[in-house]
């Protein structure tokens, strides 16, 4: 079989190339290894770096003065003042808030093409579970990619995935040790 296939390949190379159906998936021996059909796999290079910052400052001042005066009564009643009033109102508010968040996720993961859309885009999905020292790390990824974005070595960057859903969850001794206790969480929830 090897000799026959070698002769056919040599014949094809001399004649400018021809398509040979392989026994497994009916692809040409001259095609690349890029994923293009359901069941094919592709390696995703997850490079996510997110940063967010938000600052707010509010200053409000309000000052109200009211003052009225009266005069002494007239005539025989001049010992009784007619009226008099004075008032003052002052409100001040100074509010400040700041939020800052950052996250970095870098990983390499192989996913499976689960559907091919009419326009040729590929729907991918995969998960990866790694357990080290009783610490279980689960990575899930799904989304839609364009065939033309796949590099020659059958990889794609995570920022080239449309509708990407990437999640990383840890469970184990280290993760549980960083989690506040039940009483602390209950008090935080109440207040």
C-alpha atoms as a PDB file:
ATOM      1  CA  UNK A   1       0.000   0.000   0.000  1.00  0.00           C
ATOM      2  CA  UNK A   2       2.856   2.413   0.877  1.00  0.00           C
ATOM      3  CA  UNK A   3       4.532   1.836  -2.479  1.00  0.00           C
ATOM      4  CA  UNK A   4       1.277   2.425  -4.363  1.00  0.00           C
ATOM      5  CA  UNK A   5       0.540   5.610  -2.427  1.00  0.00           C
ATOM      6  CA  UNK A   6       4.099   6.866  -3.020  1.00  0.00           C
ATOM      7  CA  UNK A   7       3.769   6.272  -6.760  1.00  0.00           C
ATOM      8  CA  UNK A   8       0.435   8.088  -6.852  1.00  0.00           C
ATOM      9  CA  UNK A   9       1.902  11.025  -4.898  1.00  0.00           C
ATOM     10  CA  UNK A  10       4.908  11.211  -7.252  1.00  0.00           C
ATOM     11  CA  UNK A  11       2.559  11.073 -10.260  1.00  0.00           C
ATOM     12  CA  UNK A  12       0.440  13.864  -8.790  1.00  0.00           C
ATOM     13  CA  UNK A  13       3.446  16.065  -8.065  1.00  0.00           C
ATOM     14  CA  UNK A  14       4.738  15.662 -11.616  1.00  0.00           C
ATOM     15  CA  UNK A  15       1.349  16.383 -13.185  1.00  0.00           C
ATOM     16  CA  UNK A  16       0.701  19.558 -11.174  1.00  0.00           C
ATOM     17  CA  UNK A  17      -1.220  18.042  -8.287  1.00  0.00           C
ATOM     18  CA  UNK A  18      -4.309  15.947  -7.980  1.00  0.00           C
ATOM     19  CA  UNK A  19      -6.756  15.216  -5.227  1.00  0.00           C
ATOM     20  CA  UNK A  20      -6.377  11.849  -3.540  1.00  0.00           C
ATOM     21  CA  UNK A  21      -9.126  10.683  -1.226  1.00  0.00           C
ATOM     22  CA  UNK A  22      -7.665   9.413   1.993  1.00  0.00           C
ATOM     23  CA  UNK A  23      -9.250   6.443   3.709  1.00  0.00           C
ATOM     24  CA  UNK A  24     -10.199   8.460   6.795  1.00  0.00           C
ATOM     25  CA  UNK A  25     -11.733  11.784   5.857  1.00  0.00           C
ATOM     26  CA  UNK A  26     -11.654  12.318   2.095  1.00  0.00           C
ATOM     27  CA  UNK A  27      -9.137  15.201   2.194  1.00  0.00           C
ATOM     28  CA  UNK A  28      -6.392  15.959  -0.255  1.00  0.00           C
ATOM     29  CA  UNK A  29      -2.856  15.202   0.826  1.00  0.00           C
ATOM     30  CA  UNK A  30      -2.040  18.762  -0.203  1.00  0.00           C
ATOM     31  CA  UNK A  31      -4.511  20.487   2.125  1.00  0.00           C
ATOM     32  CA  UNK A  32      -3.592  22.047   5.434  1.00  0.00           C
ATOM     33  CA  UNK A  33      -4.656  20.734   8.824  1.00  0.00           C
ATOM     34  CA  UNK A  34      -7.017  23.573   9.685  1.00  0.00           C
ATOM     35  CA  UNK A  35     -10.318  22.690  11.306  1.00  0.00           C
ATOM     36  CA  UNK A  36     -13.253  23.119   8.937  1.00  0.00           C
ATOM     37  CA  UNK A  37     -15.911  20.542   9.785  1.00  0.00           C
ATOM     38  CA  UNK A  38     -17.968  19.183  12.657  1.00  0.00           C
ATOM     39  CA  UNK A  39     -15.827  17.038  14.928  1.00  0.00           C
ATOM     40  CA  UNK A  40     -12.546  18.737  13.972  1.00  0.00           C
ATOM     41  CA  UNK A  41     -10.449  20.120  16.794  1.00  0.00           C
ATOM     42  CA  UNK A  42      -8.730  23.474  17.102  1.00  0.00           C
ATOM     43  CA  UNK A  43      -6.379  24.897  19.721  1.00  0.00           C
ATOM     44  CA  UNK A  44      -7.423  28.186  21.312  1.00  0.00           C
ATOM     45  CA  UNK A  45      -4.769  30.449  22.785  1.00  0.00           C
ATOM     46  CA  UNK A  46      -6.619  32.197  25.602  1.00  0.00           C
ATOM     47  CA  UNK A  47      -5.127  35.628  26.146  1.00  0.00           C
ATOM     48  CA  UNK A  48      -7.573  37.717  28.147  1.00  0.00           C
ATOM     49  CA  UNK A  49      -6.539  40.863  29.973  1.00  0.00           C
ATOM     50  CA  UNK A  50      -9.395  42.961  31.277  1.00  0.00           C
ATOM     51  CA  UNK A  51      -9.117  46.184  33.223  1.00  0.00           C
ATOM     52  CA  UNK A  52     -11.818  48.553  34.335  1.00  0.00           C
ATOM     53  CA  UNK A  53     -11.716  51.735  36.353  1.00  0.00           C
ATOM     54  CA  UNK A  54     -14.472  54.052  37.447  1.00  0.00           C
ATOM     55  CA  UNK A  55     -14.247  57.220  39.525  1.00  0.00           C
ATOM     56  CA  UNK A  56     -17.029  59.473  40.684  1.00  0.00           C
ATOM     57  CA  UNK A  57     -17.080  62.603  42.818  1.00  0.00           C
ATOM     58  CA  UNK A  58     -20.072  64.662  43.870  1.00  0.00           C
ATOM     59  CA  UNK A  59     -20.050  67.890  45.831  1.00  0.00           C
ATOM     60  CA  UNK A  60     -23.343  69.544  46.754  1.00  0.00           C
ATOM     61  CA  UNK A  61     -23.746  72.713  48.766  1.00  0.00           C
ATOM     62  CA  UNK A  62     -26.870  74.538  49.731  1.00  0.00           C
ATOM     63  CA  UNK A  63     -27.211  77.527  51.988  1.00  0.00           C
ATOM     64  CA  UNK A  64     -30.393  79.334  52.857  1.00  0.00           C
ATOM     65  CA  UNK A  65     -30.723  82.408  55.049  1.00  0.00           C
ATOM     66  CA  UNK A  66     -34.018  83.924  56.000  1.00  0.00           C
ATOM     67  CA  UNK A  67     -34.383  86.949  58.203  1.00  0.00           C
ATOM     68  CA  UNK A  68     -37.290  89.107  59.042  1.00  0.00           C
ATOM     69  CA  UNK A  69     -37.558  91.977  61.507  1.00  0.00           C
ATOM     70  CA  UNK A  70     -40.334  93.668  63.212  1.00  0.00           C
ATOM     71  CA  UNK A  71     -40.757  97.037  64.757  1.00  0.00           C
ATOM     72  CA  UNK A  72     -42.185  98.124  68.043  1.00  0.00           C
ATOM     73  CA  UNK A  73     -45.884  98.555  68.277  1.00  0.00           C
ATOM     74  CA  UNK A  74     -47.552 101.823  67.566  1.00  0.00           C
ATOM     75  CA  UNK A  75     -49.268 104.179  69.858  1.00  0.00           C
ATOM     76  CA  UNK A  76     -50.257 102.916  73.253  1.00  0.00           C
ATOM     77  CA  UNK A  77     -49.050  99.392  72.396  1.00  0.00           C
ATOM     78  CA  UNK A  78     -45.508 100.400  71.501  1.00  0.00           C
ATOM     79  CA  UNK A  79     -44.150  98.059  74.198  1.00  0.00           C
ATOM     80  CA  UNK A  80     -45.349  94.983  72.223  1.00  0.00           C
ATOM     81  CA  UNK A  81     -43.183  94.170  69.194  1.00  0.00           C
ATOM     82  CA  UNK A  82     -45.142  93.570  66.045  1.00  0.00           C
ATOM     83  CA  UNK A  83     -43.141  90.547  64.895  1.00  0.00           C
ATOM     84  CA  UNK A  84     -39.617  89.245  64.277  1.00  0.00           C
ATOM     85  CA  UNK A  85     -38.056  86.099  62.819  1.00  0.00           C
ATOM     86  CA  UNK A  86     -34.639  84.801  61.787  1.00  0.00           C
ATOM     87  CA  UNK A  87     -33.601  81.520  60.187  1.00  0.00           C
ATOM     88  CA  UNK A  88     -30.663  79.769  58.639  1.00  0.00           C
ATOM     89  CA  UNK A  89     -30.322  76.478  56.742  1.00  0.00           C
ATOM     90  CA  UNK A  90     -27.122  74.918  55.436  1.00  0.00           C
ATOM     91  CA  UNK A  91     -26.689  71.537  53.689  1.00  0.00           C
ATOM     92  CA  UNK A  92     -23.380  70.153  52.474  1.00  0.00           C
ATOM     93  CA  UNK A  93     -22.629  66.809  50.841  1.00  0.00           C
ATOM     94  CA  UNK A  94     -19.320  65.496  49.614  1.00  0.00           C
ATOM     95  CA  UNK A  95     -19.439  62.012  48.069  1.00  0.00           C
ATOM     96  CA  UNK A  96     -16.623  60.118  46.440  1.00  0.00           C
ATOM     97  CA  UNK A  97     -16.479  56.648  44.944  1.00  0.00           C
ATOM     98  CA  UNK A  98     -13.876  54.619  43.110  1.00  0.00           C
ATOM     99  CA  UNK A  99     -13.955  51.171  41.564  1.00  0.00           C
ATOM    100  CA  UNK A 100     -11.038  49.366  40.015  1.00  0.00           C
ATOM    101  CA  UNK A 101     -10.948  45.829  38.652  1.00  0.00           C
ATOM    102  CA  UNK A 102      -8.451  43.825  36.674  1.00  0.00           C
ATOM    103  CA  UNK A 103      -8.174  40.239  35.564  1.00  0.00           C
ATOM    104  CA  UNK A 104      -5.740  38.172  33.532  1.00  0.00           C
ATOM    105  CA  UNK A 105      -6.394  34.733  32.062  1.00  0.00           C
ATOM    106  CA  UNK A 106      -3.805  32.961  29.934  1.00  0.00           C
ATOM    107  CA  UNK A 107      -4.208  29.351  28.858  1.00  0.00           C
ATOM    108  CA  UNK A 108      -4.038  26.983  25.907  1.00  0.00           C
ATOM    109  CA  UNK A 109      -7.021  24.750  25.246  1.00  0.00           C
ATOM    110  CA  UNK A 110      -8.211  22.439  22.497  1.00  0.00           C
ATOM    111  CA  UNK A 111     -11.897  22.614  21.562  1.00  0.00           C
ATOM    112  CA  UNK A 112     -14.196  20.772  19.151  1.00  0.00           C
ATOM    113  CA  UNK A 113     -16.171  22.176  16.221  1.00  0.00           C
ATOM    114  CA  UNK A 114     -19.795  21.343  17.071  1.00  0.00           C
ATOM    115  CA  UNK A 115     -21.529  23.075  14.145  1.00  0.00           C
ATOM    116  CA  UNK A 116     -20.812  24.763  10.820  1.00  0.00           C
ATOM    117  CA  UNK A 117     -23.025  27.736   9.982  1.00  0.00           C
ATOM    118  CA  UNK A 118     -24.324  28.474   6.483  1.00  0.00           C
ATOM    119  CA  UNK A 119     -21.731  31.220   5.993  1.00  0.00           C
ATOM    120  CA  UNK A 120     -18.892  28.823   6.897  1.00  0.00           C
ATOM    121  CA  UNK A 121     -18.303  30.071  10.433  1.00  0.00           C
ATOM    122  CA  UNK A 122     -17.515  27.381  12.976  1.00  0.00           C
ATOM    123  CA  UNK A 123     -19.238  26.981  16.335  1.00  0.00           C
ATOM    124  CA  UNK A 124     -16.748  25.689  18.897  1.00  0.00           C
ATOM    125  CA  UNK A 125     -17.046  24.369  22.424  1.00  0.00           C
ATOM    126  CA  UNK A 126     -14.816  22.619  24.904  1.00  0.00           C
ATOM    127  CA  UNK A 127     -13.852  22.232  28.511  1.00  0.00           C
ATOM    128  CA  UNK A 128     -10.728  21.284  30.346  1.00  0.00           C
ATOM    129  CA  UNK A 129     -10.385  19.960  33.881  1.00  0.00           C
ATOM    130  CA  UNK A 130      -7.007  19.924  35.582  1.00  0.00           C
ATOM    131  CA  UNK A 131      -6.528  18.653  39.129  1.00  0.00           C
ATOM    132  CA  UNK A 132      -3.334  19.405  41.023  1.00  0.00           C
ATOM    133  CA  UNK A 133      -2.977  18.709  44.776  1.00  0.00           C
ATOM    134  CA  UNK A 134      -6.752  18.316  45.242  1.00  0.00           C
ATOM    135  CA  UNK A 135      -7.326  21.706  43.580  1.00  0.00           C
ATOM    136  CA  UNK A 136      -9.656  21.243  40.608  1.00  0.00           C
ATOM    137  CA  UNK A 137      -9.478  23.904  37.880  1.00  0.00           C
ATOM    138  CA  UNK A 138     -12.290  23.817  35.291  1.00  0.00           C
ATOM    139  CA  UNK A 139     -11.980  25.885  32.119  1.00  0.00           C
ATOM    140  CA  UNK A 140     -14.947  26.215  29.724  1.00  0.00           C
ATOM    141  CA  UNK A 141     -14.952  27.932  26.334  1.00  0.00           C
ATOM    142  CA  UNK A 142     -17.562  28.350  23.583  1.00  0.00           C
ATOM    143  CA  UNK A 143     -18.136  30.738  20.698  1.00  0.00           C
ATOM    144  CA  UNK A 144     -18.079  31.278  16.937  1.00  0.00           C
ATOM    145  CA  UNK A 145     -14.955  31.616  14.777  1.00  0.00           C
ATOM    146  CA  UNK A 146     -14.238  32.423  11.150  1.00  0.00           C
ATOM    147  CA  UNK A 147     -12.290  29.839   9.169  1.00  0.00           C
ATOM    148  CA  UNK A 148      -9.987  32.513   7.768  1.00  0.00           C
ATOM    149  CA  UNK A 149      -8.884  33.504  11.303  1.00  0.00           C
ATOM    150  CA  UNK A 150      -7.437  30.044  11.964  1.00  0.00           C
ATOM    151  CA  UNK A 151      -3.648  30.131  11.626  1.00  0.00           C
ATOM    152  CA  UNK A 152      -1.603  27.587   9.676  1.00  0.00           C
ATOM    153  CA  UNK A 153      -0.831  25.609  12.828  1.00  0.00           C
ATOM    154  CA  UNK A 154      -4.578  25.219  13.567  1.00  0.00           C
ATOM    155  CA  UNK A 155      -4.689  27.752  16.398  1.00  0.00           C
ATOM    156  CA  UNK A 156      -6.757  30.839  17.072  1.00  0.00           C
ATOM    157  CA  UNK A 157      -6.588  33.575  19.717  1.00  0.00           C
ATOM    158  CA  UNK A 158      -9.474  33.968  22.136  1.00  0.00           C
ATOM    159  CA  UNK A 159     -10.022  37.602  21.120  1.00  0.00           C
ATOM    160  CA  UNK A 160     -10.935  36.365  17.607  1.00  0.00           C
ATOM    161  CA  UNK A 161     -13.923  34.397  18.942  1.00  0.00           C
ATOM    162  CA  UNK A 162     -17.361  35.961  18.524  1.00  0.00           C
ATOM    163  CA  UNK A 163     -19.898  35.530  21.335  1.00  0.00           C
ATOM    164  CA  UNK A 164     -17.087  34.069  23.419  1.00  0.00           C
ATOM    165  CA  UNK A 165     -17.953  32.582  26.776  1.00  0.00           C
ATOM    166  CA  UNK A 166     -14.852  31.799  28.777  1.00  0.00           C
ATOM    167  CA  UNK A 167     -15.083  30.739  32.392  1.00  0.00           C
ATOM    168  CA  UNK A 168     -12.526  29.492  34.854  1.00  0.00           C
ATOM    169  CA  UNK A 169     -13.591  27.978  38.161  1.00  0.00           C
ATOM    170  CA  UNK A 170     -11.508  26.521  40.938  1.00  0.00           C
ATOM    171  CA  UNK A 171     -12.556  24.163  43.675  1.00  0.00           C
ATOM    172  CA  UNK A 172     -10.437  22.642  46.378  1.00  0.00           C
ATOM    173  CA  UNK A 173      -8.507  23.280  49.555  1.00  0.00           C
ATOM    174  CA  UNK A 174      -6.878  26.537  48.466  1.00  0.00           C
ATOM    175  CA  UNK A 175     -10.102  28.006  47.071  1.00  0.00           C
ATOM    176  CA  UNK A 176     -12.112  27.004  50.149  1.00  0.00           C
ATOM    177  CA  UNK A 177      -9.448  28.525  52.411  1.00  0.00           C
ATOM    178  CA  UNK A 178      -9.848  31.912  50.711  1.00  0.00           C
ATOM    179  CA  UNK A 179     -13.635  31.896  51.071  1.00  0.00           C
ATOM    180  CA  UNK A 180     -15.128  33.685  54.101  1.00  0.00           C
ATOM    181  CA  UNK A 181     -16.910  31.535  56.651  1.00  0.00           C
ATOM    182  CA  UNK A 182     -20.687  31.120  56.860  1.00  0.00           C
ATOM    183  CA  UNK A 183     -21.180  33.613  59.722  1.00  0.00           C
ATOM    184  CA  UNK A 184     -19.118  36.278  57.925  1.00  0.00           C
ATOM    185  CA  UNK A 185     -21.085  35.796  54.704  1.00  0.00           C
ATOM    186  CA  UNK A 186     -24.401  35.935  56.617  1.00  0.00           C
ATOM    187  CA  UNK A 187     -23.455  39.166  58.377  1.00  0.00           C
ATOM    188  CA  UNK A 188     -22.287  40.688  55.069  1.00  0.00           C
ATOM    189  CA  UNK A 189     -25.560  39.693  53.436  1.00  0.00           C
ATOM    190  CA  UNK A 190     -27.657  41.217  56.233  1.00  0.00           C
ATOM    191  CA  UNK A 191     -25.728  44.461  56.391  1.00  0.00           C
END
